[in-house]
Amino acid sequence: MKAYGSFSEWKKDQLIKNQKLIGALQRLVKGSAPHLIMTVKWGQGCWVSGTIPKIFIHTEPDYVQFGFYNGSALKDPNKLLVGSGKYVRHIKVRALKDINVPVFTNLIIQAIK
């Protein structure tokens, strides 16, 4: 796994298409949870509260995963969250139009409680 010194360094190493999606998600998280710190954990972009990871972005060639470490506990009436792990859930974001601001904001707010 490649090591990165910062979220910005990690973002620059992603595909251009994914960088645009990451930027939009960055702005959304910053607007919804400005106290979270951007960092890199386990080779992916991450937002933490203190030392507790809350939200992540994992990239694939065709999409980014916008995920929540406590995702299985979040209320998701739109059924956007996927994953089968005990805790982690994510949304596959393939294009800017996939970012439903009110729905994503609600999930972010739930995740930081």
PDB file of N, CA and C in Angstrom:
ATOM      1  N   MET A   1       0.851  -1.179   0.000  1.00  0.00           N
ATOM      2  CA  MET A   1       0.000   0.000   0.000  1.00  0.00           C
ATOM      3  C   MET A   1       0.895   1.241   0.000  1.00  0.00           C
ATOM      4  N   LYS A   2       0.614   2.154  -0.873  1.00  0.00           N
ATOM      5  CA  LYS A   2       1.399   3.375  -0.989  1.00  0.00           C
ATOM      6  C   LYS A   2       1.106   4.310   0.185  1.00  0.00           C
ATOM      7  N   ALA A   3       2.148   4.930   0.703  1.00  0.00           N
ATOM      8  CA  ALA A   3       1.990   5.887   1.812  1.00  0.00           C
ATOM      9  C   ALA A   3       1.857   7.303   1.253  1.00  0.00           C
ATOM     10  N   TYR A   4       0.994   8.093   1.886  1.00  0.00           N
ATOM     11  CA  TYR A   4       0.773   9.485   1.483  1.00  0.00           C
ATOM     12  C   TYR A   4       0.954  10.380   2.700  1.00  0.00           C
ATOM     13  N   GLY A   5       1.530  11.545   2.470  1.00  0.00           N
ATOM     14  CA  GLY A   5       1.753  12.491   3.552  1.00  0.00           C
ATOM     15  C   GLY A   5       0.538  13.329   3.901  1.00  0.00           C
ATOM     16  N   SER A   6      -0.425  13.406   2.982  1.00  0.00           N
ATOM     17  CA  SER A   6      -1.598  14.240   3.225  1.00  0.00           C
ATOM     18  C   SER A   6      -2.745  13.805   2.313  1.00  0.00           C
ATOM     19  N   PHE A   7      -3.931  14.281   2.645  1.00  0.00           N
ATOM     20  CA  PHE A   7      -5.112  14.031   1.823  1.00  0.00           C
ATOM     21  C   PHE A   7      -4.892  14.606   0.423  1.00  0.00           C
ATOM     22  N   SER A   8      -4.325  15.804   0.351  1.00  0.00           N
ATOM     23  CA  SER A   8      -4.086  16.447  -0.948  1.00  0.00           C
ATOM     24  C   SER A   8      -3.144  15.619  -1.815  1.00  0.00           C
ATOM     25  N   GLU A   9      -2.108  15.076  -1.209  1.00  0.00           N
ATOM     26  CA  GLU A   9      -1.160  14.237  -1.940  1.00  0.00           C
ATOM     27  C   GLU A   9      -1.858  12.973  -2.459  1.00  0.00           C
ATOM     28  N   TRP A  10      -2.683  12.373  -1.611  1.00  0.00           N
ATOM     29  CA  TRP A  10      -3.446  11.188  -2.018  1.00  0.00           C
ATOM     30  C   TRP A  10      -4.381  11.530  -3.186  1.00  0.00           C
ATOM     31  N   LYS A  11      -5.099  12.641  -3.061  1.00  0.00           N
ATOM     32  CA  LYS A  11      -6.053  13.050  -4.097  1.00  0.00           C
ATOM     33  C   LYS A  11      -5.352  13.258  -5.440  1.00  0.00           C
ATOM     34  N   LYS A  12      -4.187  13.896  -5.432  1.00  0.00           N
ATOM     35  CA  LYS A  12      -3.444  14.153  -6.679  1.00  0.00           C
ATOM     36  C   LYS A  12      -3.004  12.864  -7.361  1.00  0.00           C
ATOM     37  N   ASP A  13      -2.917  11.785  -6.614  1.00  0.00           N
ATOM     38  CA  ASP A  13      -2.481  10.507  -7.155  1.00  0.00           C
ATOM     39  C   ASP A  13      -3.637   9.697  -7.755  1.00  0.00           C
ATOM     40  N   GLN A  14      -4.853  10.227  -7.698  1.00  0.00           N
ATOM     41  CA  GLN A  14      -6.027   9.528  -8.222  1.00  0.00           C
ATOM     42  C   GLN A  14      -6.297   9.945  -9.665  1.00  0.00           C
ATOM     43  N   LEU A  15      -7.087   9.157 -10.361  1.00  0.00           N
ATOM     44  CA  LEU A  15      -7.475   9.493 -11.727  1.00  0.00           C
ATOM     45  C   LEU A  15      -8.170  10.857 -11.753  1.00  0.00           C
ATOM     46  N   ILE A  16      -7.972  11.624 -12.826  1.00  0.00           N
ATOM     47  CA  ILE A  16      -8.563  12.965 -12.954  1.00  0.00           C
ATOM     48  C   ILE A  16     -10.074  12.921 -12.732  1.00  0.00           C
ATOM     49  N   LYS A  17     -10.749  11.947 -13.338  1.00  0.00           N
ATOM     50  CA  LYS A  17     -12.206  11.815 -13.170  1.00  0.00           C
ATOM     51  C   LYS A  17     -12.556  11.660 -11.686  1.00  0.00           C
ATOM     52  N   ASN A  18     -11.807  10.833 -11.002  1.00  0.00           N
ATOM     53  CA  ASN A  18     -12.064  10.615  -9.583  1.00  0.00           C
ATOM     54  C   ASN A  18     -11.701  11.835  -8.742  1.00  0.00           C
ATOM     55  N   GLN A  19     -10.692  12.591  -9.160  1.00  0.00           N
ATOM     56  CA  GLN A  19     -10.324  13.807  -8.435  1.00  0.00           C
ATOM     57  C   GLN A  19     -11.501  14.785  -8.388  1.00  0.00           C
ATOM     58  N   LYS A  20     -12.251  14.871  -9.476  1.00  0.00           N
ATOM     59  CA  LYS A  20     -13.412  15.767  -9.503  1.00  0.00           C
ATOM     60  C   LYS A  20     -14.483  15.302  -8.528  1.00  0.00           C
ATOM     61  N   LEU A  21     -14.716  14.001  -8.486  1.00  0.00           N
ATOM     62  CA  LEU A  21     -15.699  13.456  -7.540  1.00  0.00           C
ATOM     63  C   LEU A  21     -15.226  13.659  -6.096  1.00  0.00           C
ATOM     64  N   ILE A  22     -13.946  13.419  -5.867  1.00  0.00           N
ATOM     65  CA  ILE A  22     -13.375  13.609  -4.531  1.00  0.00           C
ATOM     66  C   ILE A  22     -13.527  15.062  -4.102  1.00  0.00           C
ATOM     67  N   GLY A  23     -13.247  15.999  -5.004  1.00  0.00           N
ATOM     68  CA  GLY A  23     -13.381  17.423  -4.687  1.00  0.00           C
ATOM     69  C   GLY A  23     -14.798  17.785  -4.283  1.00  0.00           C
ATOM     70  N   ALA A  24     -15.777  17.271  -5.015  1.00  0.00           N
ATOM     71  CA  ALA A  24     -17.174  17.557  -4.682  1.00  0.00           C
ATOM     72  C   ALA A  24     -17.535  16.962  -3.318  1.00  0.00           C
ATOM     73  N   LEU A  25     -17.071  15.767  -3.044  1.00  0.00           N
ATOM     74  CA  LEU A  25     -17.351  15.137  -1.751  1.00  0.00           C
ATOM     75  C   LEU A  25     -16.614  15.851  -0.619  1.00  0.00           C
ATOM     76  N   GLN A  26     -15.408  16.321  -0.895  1.00  0.00           N
ATOM     77  CA  GLN A  26     -14.661  17.132   0.092  1.00  0.00           C
ATOM     78  C   GLN A  26     -15.462  18.354   0.506  1.00  0.00           C
ATOM     79  N   ARG A  27     -15.975  19.072  -0.480  1.00  0.00           N
ATOM     80  CA  ARG A  27     -16.743  20.279  -0.192  1.00  0.00           C
ATOM     81  C   ARG A  27     -17.995  19.950   0.620  1.00  0.00           C
ATOM     82  N   LEU A  28     -18.627  18.849   0.288  1.00  0.00           N
ATOM     83  CA  LEU A  28     -19.833  18.438   0.998  1.00  0.00           C
ATOM     84  C   LEU A  28     -19.520  18.104   2.461  1.00  0.00           C
ATOM     85  N   VAL A  29     -18.462  17.350   2.700  1.00  0.00           N
ATOM     86  CA  VAL A  29     -18.094  17.001   4.074  1.00  0.00           C
ATOM     87  C   VAL A  29     -17.683  18.257   4.842  1.00  0.00           C
ATOM     88  N   LYS A  30     -16.897  19.109   4.211  1.00  0.00           N
ATOM     89  CA  LYS A  30     -16.464  20.335   4.890  1.00  0.00           C
ATOM     90  C   LYS A  30     -17.659  21.202   5.276  1.00  0.00           C
ATOM     91  N   GLY A  31     -18.649  21.295   4.401  1.00  0.00           N
ATOM     92  CA  GLY A  31     -19.832  22.094   4.690  1.00  0.00           C
ATOM     93  C   GLY A  31     -20.727  21.486   5.758  1.00  0.00           C
ATOM     94  N   SER A  32     -20.726  20.167   5.851  1.00  0.00           N
ATOM     95  CA  SER A  32     -21.588  19.464   6.799  1.00  0.00           C
ATOM     96  C   SER A  32     -20.915  19.174   8.135  1.00  0.00           C
ATOM     97  N   ALA A  33     -19.609  19.000   8.106  1.00  0.00           N
ATOM     98  CA  ALA A  33     -18.860  18.614   9.309  1.00  0.00           C
ATOM     99  C   ALA A  33     -17.478  19.264   9.291  1.00  0.00           C
ATOM    100  N   PRO A  34     -17.430  20.603   9.418  1.00  0.00           N
ATOM    101  CA  PRO A  34     -16.152  21.306   9.270  1.00  0.00           C
ATOM    102  C   PRO A  34     -15.113  20.944  10.327  1.00  0.00           C
ATOM    103  N   HIS A  35     -15.535  20.347  11.424  1.00  0.00           N
ATOM    104  CA  HIS A  35     -14.584  19.984  12.481  1.00  0.00           C
ATOM    105  C   HIS A  35     -13.793  18.710  12.163  1.00  0.00           C
ATOM    106  N   LEU A  36     -14.250  17.922  11.190  1.00  0.00           N
ATOM    107  CA  LEU A  36     -13.523  16.705  10.844  1.00  0.00           C
ATOM    108  C   LEU A  36     -12.196  17.046  10.173  1.00  0.00           C
ATOM    109  N   ILE A  37     -11.205  16.217  10.424  1.00  0.00           N
ATOM    110  CA  ILE A  37      -9.864  16.406   9.866  1.00  0.00           C
ATOM    111  C   ILE A  37      -9.679  15.447   8.695  1.00  0.00           C
ATOM    112  N   MET A  38      -9.219  15.988   7.558  1.00  0.00           N
ATOM    113  CA  MET A  38      -8.925  15.158   6.390  1.00  0.00           C
ATOM    114  C   MET A  38      -7.556  14.537   6.576  1.00  0.00           C
ATOM    115  N   THR A  39      -7.469  13.249   6.279  1.00  0.00           N
ATOM    116  CA  THR A  39      -6.202  12.542   6.381  1.00  0.00           C
ATOM    117  C   THR A  39      -6.229  11.351   5.434  1.00  0.00           C
ATOM    118  N   VAL A  40      -5.223  10.505   5.519  1.00  0.00           N
ATOM    119  CA  VAL A  40      -5.189   9.268   4.742  1.00  0.00           C
ATOM    120  C   VAL A  40      -4.957   8.124   5.720  1.00  0.00           C
ATOM    121  N   LYS A  41      -5.829   7.140   5.663  1.00  0.00           N
ATOM    122  CA  LYS A  41      -5.701   5.936   6.480  1.00  0.00           C
ATOM    123  C   LYS A  41      -5.938   4.730   5.593  1.00  0.00           C
ATOM    124  N   TRP A  42      -5.111   3.723   5.775  1.00  0.00           N
ATOM    125  CA  TRP A  42      -5.261   2.474   5.036  1.00  0.00           C
ATOM    126  C   TRP A  42      -5.289   2.700   3.527  1.00  0.00           C
ATOM    127  N   GLY A  43      -4.531   3.703   3.062  1.00  0.00           N
ATOM    128  CA  GLY A  43      -4.417   3.974   1.636  1.00  0.00           C
ATOM    129  C   GLY A  43      -5.601   4.661   0.998  1.00  0.00           C
ATOM    130  N   GLN A  44      -6.475   5.239   1.800  1.00  0.00           N
ATOM    131  CA  GLN A  44      -7.641   5.932   1.239  1.00  0.00           C
ATOM    132  C   GLN A  44      -7.882   7.246   1.972  1.00  0.00           C
ATOM    133  N   GLY A  45      -8.558   8.159   1.286  1.00  0.00           N
ATOM    134  CA  GLY A  45      -8.918   9.422   1.906  1.00  0.00           C
ATOM    135  C   GLY A  45      -9.865   9.184   3.054  1.00  0.00           C
ATOM    136  N   CYS A  46      -9.697   9.950   4.120  1.00  0.00           N
ATOM    137  CA  CYS A  46     -10.471   9.687   5.327  1.00  0.00           C
ATOM    138  C   CYS A  46     -10.699  10.985   6.097  1.00  0.00           C
ATOM    139  N   TRP A  47     -11.814  11.055   6.806  1.00  0.00           N
ATOM    140  CA  TRP A  47     -12.092  12.149   7.725  1.00  0.00           C
ATOM    141  C   TRP A  47     -12.207  11.561   9.114  1.00  0.00           C
ATOM    142  N   VAL A  48     -11.526  12.191  10.049  1.00  0.00           N
ATOM    143  CA  VAL A  48     -11.526  11.690  11.418  1.00  0.00           C
ATOM    144  C   VAL A  48     -12.004  12.766  12.383  1.00  0.00           C
ATOM    145  N   SER A  49     -12.535  12.301  13.502  1.00  0.00           N
ATOM    146  CA  SER A  49     -12.882  13.164  14.626  1.00  0.00           C
ATOM    147  C   SER A  49     -11.954  12.743  15.755  1.00  0.00           C
ATOM    148  N   GLY A  50     -10.960  13.578  16.030  1.00  0.00           N
ATOM    149  CA  GLY A  50      -9.914  13.162  16.968  1.00  0.00           C
ATOM    150  C   GLY A  50      -9.132  12.034  16.321  1.00  0.00           C
ATOM    151  N   THR A  51      -9.168  10.866  16.935  1.00  0.00           N
ATOM    152  CA  THR A  51      -8.496   9.697  16.357  1.00  0.00           C
ATOM    153  C   THR A  51      -9.487   8.698  15.767  1.00  0.00           C
ATOM    154  N   ILE A  52     -10.768   9.052  15.778  1.00  0.00           N
ATOM    155  CA  ILE A  52     -11.811   8.115  15.340  1.00  0.00           C
ATOM    156  C   ILE A  52     -12.177   8.370  13.876  1.00  0.00           C
ATOM    157  N   PRO A  53     -11.923   7.387  12.999  1.00  0.00           N
ATOM    158  CA  PRO A  53     -12.307   7.552  11.599  1.00  0.00           C
ATOM    159  C   PRO A  53     -13.823   7.526  11.454  1.00  0.00           C
ATOM    160  N   LYS A  54     -14.338   8.445  10.657  1.00  0.00           N
ATOM    161  CA  LYS A  54     -15.789   8.575  10.472  1.00  0.00           C
ATOM    162  C   LYS A  54     -16.230   8.302   9.034  1.00  0.00           C
ATOM    163  N   ILE A  55     -15.521   8.901   8.067  1.00  0.00           N
ATOM    164  CA  ILE A  55     -15.937   8.863   6.659  1.00  0.00           C
ATOM    165  C   ILE A  55     -14.705   8.559   5.816  1.00  0.00           C
ATOM    166  N   PHE A  56     -14.902   7.858   4.700  1.00  0.00           N
ATOM    167  CA  PHE A  56     -13.766   7.572   3.824  1.00  0.00           C
ATOM    168  C   PHE A  56     -14.154   7.681   2.361  1.00  0.00           C
ATOM    169  N   ILE A  57     -13.121   7.806   1.530  1.00  0.00           N
ATOM    170  CA  ILE A  57     -13.266   7.711   0.078  1.00  0.00           C
ATOM    171  C   ILE A  57     -12.236   6.699  -0.400  1.00  0.00           C
ATOM    172  N   HIS A  58     -12.727   5.691  -1.048  1.00  0.00           N
ATOM    173  CA  HIS A  58     -11.884   4.672  -1.665  1.00  0.00           C
ATOM    174  C   HIS A  58     -12.108   4.782  -3.168  1.00  0.00           C
ATOM    175  N   THR A  59     -11.051   4.748  -3.941  1.00  0.00           N
ATOM    176  CA  THR A  59     -11.211   4.908  -5.389  1.00  0.00           C
ATOM    177  C   THR A  59     -11.027   3.595  -6.132  1.00  0.00           C
ATOM    178  N   GLU A  60     -11.787   3.470  -7.181  1.00  0.00           N
ATOM    179  CA  GLU A  60     -11.683   2.391  -8.157  1.00  0.00           C
ATOM    180  C   GLU A  60     -11.635   3.076  -9.523  1.00  0.00           C
ATOM    181  N   PRO A  61     -11.229   2.385 -10.572  1.00  0.00           N
ATOM    182  CA  PRO A  61     -11.154   3.046 -11.884  1.00  0.00           C
ATOM    183  C   PRO A  61     -12.471   3.650 -12.373  1.00  0.00           C
ATOM    184  N   ASP A  62     -13.600   3.017 -12.065  1.00  0.00           N
ATOM    185  CA  ASP A  62     -14.891   3.460 -12.592  1.00  0.00           C
ATOM    186  C   ASP A  62     -15.752   4.237 -11.614  1.00  0.00           C
ATOM    187  N   TYR A  63     -15.332   4.347 -10.349  1.00  0.00           N
ATOM    188  CA  TYR A  63     -16.152   5.026  -9.348  1.00  0.00           C
ATOM    189  C   TYR A  63     -15.334   5.283  -8.094  1.00  0.00           C
ATOM    190  N   VAL A  64     -15.912   6.065  -7.203  1.00  0.00           N
ATOM    191  CA  VAL A  64     -15.343   6.204  -5.867  1.00  0.00           C
ATOM    192  C   VAL A  64     -16.382   5.694  -4.869  1.00  0.00           C
ATOM    193  N   GLN A  65     -15.895   5.147  -3.800  1.00  0.00           N
ATOM    194  CA  GLN A  65     -16.772   4.745  -2.705  1.00  0.00           C
ATOM    195  C   GLN A  65     -16.750   5.876  -1.683  1.00  0.00           C
ATOM    196  N   PHE A  66     -17.907   6.398  -1.371  1.00  0.00           N
ATOM    197  CA  PHE A  66     -18.052   7.379  -0.309  1.00  0.00           C
ATOM    198  C   PHE A  66     -18.637   6.602   0.855  1.00  0.00           C
ATOM    199  N   GLY A  67     -17.813   6.375   1.877  1.00  0.00           N
ATOM    200  CA  GLY A  67     -18.212   5.428   2.887  1.00  0.00           C
ATOM    201  C   GLY A  67     -18.199   5.939   4.312  1.00  0.00           C
ATOM    202  N   PHE A  68     -18.820   5.147   5.142  1.00  0.00           N
ATOM    203  CA  PHE A  68     -18.992   5.474   6.554  1.00  0.00           C
ATOM    204  C   PHE A  68     -18.566   4.275   7.393  1.00  0.00           C
ATOM    205  N   TYR A  69     -17.672   4.517   8.335  1.00  0.00           N
ATOM    206  CA  TYR A  69     -17.165   3.427   9.165  1.00  0.00           C
ATOM    207  C   TYR A  69     -18.245   2.840  10.063  1.00  0.00           C
ATOM    208  N   ASN A  70     -19.246   3.625  10.406  1.00  0.00           N
ATOM    209  CA  ASN A  70     -20.365   3.119  11.199  1.00  0.00           C
ATOM    210  C   ASN A  70     -21.632   3.034  10.336  1.00  0.00           C
ATOM    211  N   GLY A  71     -21.441   2.777   9.065  1.00  0.00           N
ATOM    212  CA  GLY A  71     -22.540   2.817   8.104  1.00  0.00           C
ATOM    213  C   GLY A  71     -23.695   1.881   8.389  1.00  0.00           C
ATOM    214  N   SER A  72     -23.430   0.742   9.015  1.00  0.00           N
ATOM    215  CA  SER A  72     -24.526  -0.197   9.295  1.00  0.00           C
ATOM    216  C   SER A  72     -25.510   0.361  10.319  1.00  0.00           C
ATOM    217  N   ALA A  73     -25.092   1.374  11.073  1.00  0.00           N
ATOM    218  CA  ALA A  73     -25.967   1.976  12.082  1.00  0.00           C
ATOM    219  C   ALA A  73     -26.750   3.178  11.548  1.00  0.00           C
ATOM    220  N   LEU A  74     -26.470   3.608  10.312  1.00  0.00           N
ATOM    221  CA  LEU A  74     -27.117   4.798   9.767  1.00  0.00           C
ATOM    222  C   LEU A  74     -28.491   4.465   9.187  1.00  0.00           C
ATOM    223  N   LYS A  75     -29.410   5.397   9.351  1.00  0.00           N
ATOM    224  CA  LYS A  75     -30.721   5.275   8.717  1.00  0.00           C
ATOM    225  C   LYS A  75     -30.556   5.667   7.255  1.00  0.00           C
ATOM    226  N   ASP A  76     -30.961   4.797   6.370  1.00  0.00           N
ATOM    227  CA  ASP A  76     -30.763   4.980   4.931  1.00  0.00           C
ATOM    228  C   ASP A  76     -32.056   4.667   4.179  1.00  0.00           C
ATOM    229  N   PRO A  77     -33.064   5.551   4.299  1.00  0.00           N
ATOM    230  CA  PRO A  77     -34.347   5.272   3.645  1.00  0.00           C
ATOM    231  C   PRO A  77     -34.257   5.192   2.127  1.00  0.00           C
ATOM    232  N   ASN A  78     -33.238   5.799   1.530  1.00  0.00           N
ATOM    233  CA  ASN A  78     -33.066   5.762   0.083  1.00  0.00           C
ATOM    234  C   ASN A  78     -32.337   4.505  -0.390  1.00  0.00           C
ATOM    235  N   LYS A  79     -31.882   3.691   0.568  1.00  0.00           N
ATOM    236  CA  LYS A  79     -31.193   2.422   0.259  1.00  0.00           C
ATOM    237  C   LYS A  79     -29.984   2.623  -0.659  1.00  0.00           C
ATOM    238  N   LEU A  80     -29.183   3.648  -0.357  1.00  0.00           N
ATOM    239  CA  LEU A  80     -27.982   3.922  -1.144  1.00  0.00           C
ATOM    240  C   LEU A  80     -26.759   3.181  -0.631  1.00  0.00           C
ATOM    241  N   LEU A  81     -26.726   2.913   0.669  1.00  0.00           N
ATOM    242  CA  LEU A  81     -25.553   2.294   1.275  1.00  0.00           C
ATOM    243  C   LEU A  81     -25.477   0.811   0.933  1.00  0.00           C
ATOM    244  N   VAL A  82     -24.286   0.389   0.535  1.00  0.00           N
ATOM    245  CA  VAL A  82     -24.051  -1.024   0.231  1.00  0.00           C
ATOM    246  C   VAL A  82     -22.859  -1.513   1.040  1.00  0.00           C
ATOM    247  N   GLY A  83     -22.756  -2.816   1.167  1.00  0.00           N
ATOM    248  CA  GLY A  83     -21.660  -3.439   1.894  1.00  0.00           C
ATOM    249  C   GLY A  83     -22.200  -4.522   2.798  1.00  0.00           C
ATOM    250  N   SER A  84     -21.364  -5.493   3.072  1.00  0.00           N
ATOM    251  CA  SER A  84     -21.818  -6.624   3.872  1.00  0.00           C
ATOM    252  C   SER A  84     -21.020  -6.799   5.155  1.00  0.00           C
ATOM    253  N   GLY A  85     -20.105  -5.894   5.425  1.00  0.00           N
ATOM    254  CA  GLY A  85     -19.324  -5.975   6.651  1.00  0.00           C
ATOM    255  C   GLY A  85     -20.178  -5.686   7.870  1.00  0.00           C
ATOM    256  N   LYS A  86     -19.603  -5.922   9.037  1.00  0.00           N
ATOM    257  CA  LYS A  86     -20.351  -5.711  10.274  1.00  0.00           C
ATOM    258  C   LYS A  86     -20.694  -4.237  10.481  1.00  0.00           C
ATOM    259  N   TYR A  87     -19.801  -3.316  10.055  1.00  0.00           N
ATOM    260  CA  TYR A  87     -19.999  -1.887  10.319  1.00  0.00           C
ATOM    261  C   TYR A  87     -19.968  -1.003   9.073  1.00  0.00           C
ATOM    262  N   VAL A  88     -19.004  -1.194   8.214  1.00  0.00           N
ATOM    263  CA  VAL A  88     -18.733  -0.265   7.107  1.00  0.00           C
ATOM    264  C   VAL A  88     -19.759  -0.402   5.987  1.00  0.00           C
ATOM    265  N   ARG A  89     -20.206   0.769   5.487  1.00  0.00           N
ATOM    266  CA  ARG A  89     -21.094   0.832   4.320  1.00  0.00           C
ATOM    267  C   ARG A  89     -20.614   1.976   3.437  1.00  0.00           C
ATOM    268  N   HIS A  90     -20.936   1.899   2.151  1.00  0.00           N
ATOM    269  CA  HIS A  90     -20.517   2.955   1.226  1.00  0.00           C
ATOM    270  C   HIS A  90     -21.556   3.144   0.124  1.00  0.00           C
ATOM    271  N   ILE A  91     -21.383   4.255  -0.580  1.00  0.00           N
ATOM    272  CA  ILE A  91     -22.185   4.575  -1.758  1.00  0.00           C
ATOM    273  C   ILE A  91     -21.224   4.633  -2.937  1.00  0.00           C
ATOM    274  N   LYS A  92     -21.567   3.993  -4.021  1.00  0.00           N
ATOM    275  CA  LYS A  92     -20.739   4.069  -5.222  1.00  0.00           C
ATOM    276  C   LYS A  92     -21.127   5.325  -5.983  1.00  0.00           C
ATOM    277  N   VAL A  93     -20.158   6.212  -6.175  1.00  0.00           N
ATOM    278  CA  VAL A  93     -20.375   7.474  -6.879  1.00  0.00           C
ATOM    279  C   VAL A  93     -19.607   7.400  -8.197  1.00  0.00           C
ATOM    280  N   ARG A  94     -20.346   7.417  -9.298  1.00  0.00           N
ATOM    281  CA  ARG A  94     -19.735   7.308 -10.617  1.00  0.00           C
ATOM    282  C   ARG A  94     -19.666   8.644 -11.359  1.00  0.00           C
ATOM    283  N   ALA A  95     -20.534   9.579 -10.965  1.00  0.00           N
ATOM    284  CA  ALA A  95     -20.596  10.881 -11.632  1.00  0.00           C
ATOM    285  C   ALA A  95     -21.079  11.923 -10.627  1.00  0.00           C
ATOM    286  N   LEU A  96     -20.823  13.180 -10.920  1.00  0.00           N
ATOM    287  CA  LEU A  96     -21.252  14.262 -10.026  1.00  0.00           C
ATOM    288  C   LEU A  96     -22.757  14.218  -9.778  1.00  0.00           C
ATOM    289  N   LYS A  97     -23.509  13.822 -10.772  1.00  0.00           N
ATOM    290  CA  LYS A  97     -24.975  13.777 -10.628  1.00  0.00           C
ATOM    291  C   LYS A  97     -25.423  12.731  -9.606  1.00  0.00           C
ATOM    292  N   ASP A  98     -24.546  11.798  -9.268  1.00  0.00           N
ATOM    293  CA  ASP A  98     -24.869  10.777  -8.266  1.00  0.00           C
ATOM    294  C   ASP A  98     -24.848  11.327  -6.835  1.00  0.00           C
ATOM    295  N   ILE A  99     -24.283  12.508  -6.665  1.00  0.00           N
ATOM    296  CA  ILE A  99     -24.166  13.092  -5.326  1.00  0.00           C
ATOM    297  C   ILE A  99     -25.458  13.833  -5.000  1.00  0.00           C
ATOM    298  N   ASN A 100     -26.309  13.187  -4.245  1.00  0.00           N
ATOM    299  CA  ASN A 100     -27.574  13.763  -3.800  1.00  0.00           C
ATOM    300  C   ASN A 100     -27.266  14.535  -2.511  1.00  0.00           C
ATOM    301  N   VAL A 101     -27.105  15.834  -2.619  1.00  0.00           N
ATOM    302  CA  VAL A 101     -26.622  16.652  -1.504  1.00  0.00           C
ATOM    303  C   VAL A 101     -27.452  16.481  -0.229  1.00  0.00           C
ATOM    304  N   PRO A 102     -28.782  16.605  -0.268  1.00  0.00           N
ATOM    305  CA  PRO A 102     -29.533  16.450   0.985  1.00  0.00           C
ATOM    306  C   PRO A 102     -29.384  15.058   1.610  1.00  0.00           C
ATOM    307  N   VAL A 103     -29.408  14.024   0.786  1.00  0.00           N
ATOM    308  CA  VAL A 103     -29.291  12.653   1.298  1.00  0.00           C
ATOM    309  C   VAL A 103     -27.894  12.410   1.857  1.00  0.00           C
ATOM    310  N   PHE A 104     -26.864  12.808   1.117  1.00  0.00           N
ATOM    311  CA  PHE A 104     -25.485  12.612   1.579  1.00  0.00           C
ATOM    312  C   PHE A 104     -25.232  13.422   2.854  1.00  0.00           C
ATOM    313  N   THR A 105     -25.751  14.638   2.906  1.00  0.00           N
ATOM    314  CA  THR A 105     -25.582  15.477   4.094  1.00  0.00           C
ATOM    315  C   THR A 105     -26.207  14.816   5.304  1.00  0.00           C
ATOM    316  N   ASN A 106     -27.393  14.254   5.138  1.00  0.00           N
ATOM    317  CA  ASN A 106     -28.050  13.561   6.231  1.00  0.00           C
ATOM    318  C   ASN A 106     -27.198  12.398   6.733  1.00  0.00           C
ATOM    319  N   LEU A 107     -26.611  11.630   5.829  1.00  0.00           N
ATOM    320  CA  LEU A 107     -25.760  10.523   6.237  1.00  0.00           C
ATOM    321  C   LEU A 107     -24.509  11.021   6.965  1.00  0.00           C
ATOM    322  N   ILE A 108     -23.927  12.094   6.479  1.00  0.00           N
ATOM    323  CA  ILE A 108     -22.743  12.669   7.141  1.00  0.00           C
ATOM    324  C   ILE A 108     -23.093  13.086   8.563  1.00  0.00           C
ATOM    325  N   ILE A 109     -24.197  13.778   8.719  1.00  0.00           N
ATOM    326  CA  ILE A 109     -24.612  14.253  10.055  1.00  0.00           C
ATOM    327  C   ILE A 109     -24.854  13.072  10.997  1.00  0.00           C
ATOM    328  N   GLN A 110     -25.485  12.036  10.502  1.00  0.00           N
ATOM    329  CA  GLN A 110     -25.678  10.836  11.324  1.00  0.00           C
ATOM    330  C   GLN A 110     -24.337  10.200  11.711  1.00  0.00           C
ATOM    331  N   ALA A 111     -23.423  10.158  10.752  1.00  0.00           N
ATOM    332  CA  ALA A 111     -22.128   9.478  10.969  1.00  0.00           C
ATOM    333  C   ALA A 111     -21.259  10.167  11.998  1.00  0.00           C
ATOM    334  N   ILE A 112     -21.429  11.470  12.181  1.00  0.00           N
ATOM    335  CA  ILE A 112     -20.537  12.186  13.108  1.00  0.00           C
ATOM    336  C   ILE A 112     -21.103  12.283  14.520  1.00  0.00           C
ATOM    337  N   LYS A 113     -22.280  11.763  14.752  1.00  0.00           N
ATOM    338  CA  LYS A 113     -22.871  11.804  16.097  1.00  0.00           C
ATOM    339  C   LYS A 113     -22.217  10.791  17.003  1.00  0.00           C
TER     340      LYS A 113
END
